[in-house]
Amino acid sequence: MIRTAHCLVCLLAVLGIIAGCSKAAKMGQLSSTVTFKGKPVPAGYISFMPDATGGNLGQVKVAQIKEGVYNTALETKPGIFPGATVIRIAGFDGKKQRGFGQGKQIFNPYELRAILADGTSTMDFTVPPSAADRLRIEPTSDEP
């Protein structure tokens, strides 16, 4: 009887641990605009990379930029991990051509750091003109 009770307690403890581990991390949703030299960025993407040095251990999430607007809720795997984040913005002219799926780069990838909240919020990004200094245009697709 005591052994059965002990086994039952152990089983409940294990089930409690499993249930606790299966809870998904809270996700945030972020949307708004991206501008460069006062104009909307025609095409591109924003990468949200959780900053482990700031205690954020989530996964990298990417949102597409279309006509200066992005929305993490519209992506295949929606949402972002809240907390310390390295944000990387890549912008293109939107004129597709061989080797340039989103067009040619209009600035070098621009990085900044931010603390992102959970829930739904907005955050505008303005890429500084200096991001185009010594512009390195590289193909963005493997098309022949």
Foldseek 3Di string as FASTA:
>chain_A
DVVVVVVVVVVVVVVVVVVVVPDDAFFAKEKDFEEEPRFGQAWWKKWKAADVVFVGDDHIAMWIGHRGITIQCPDPDRTDHFAKTKMKIWGANQDDDALARRHWTPFAIDIDIDGGDHYYDYDYHYDYNCRRVVNDTGGDDPGD
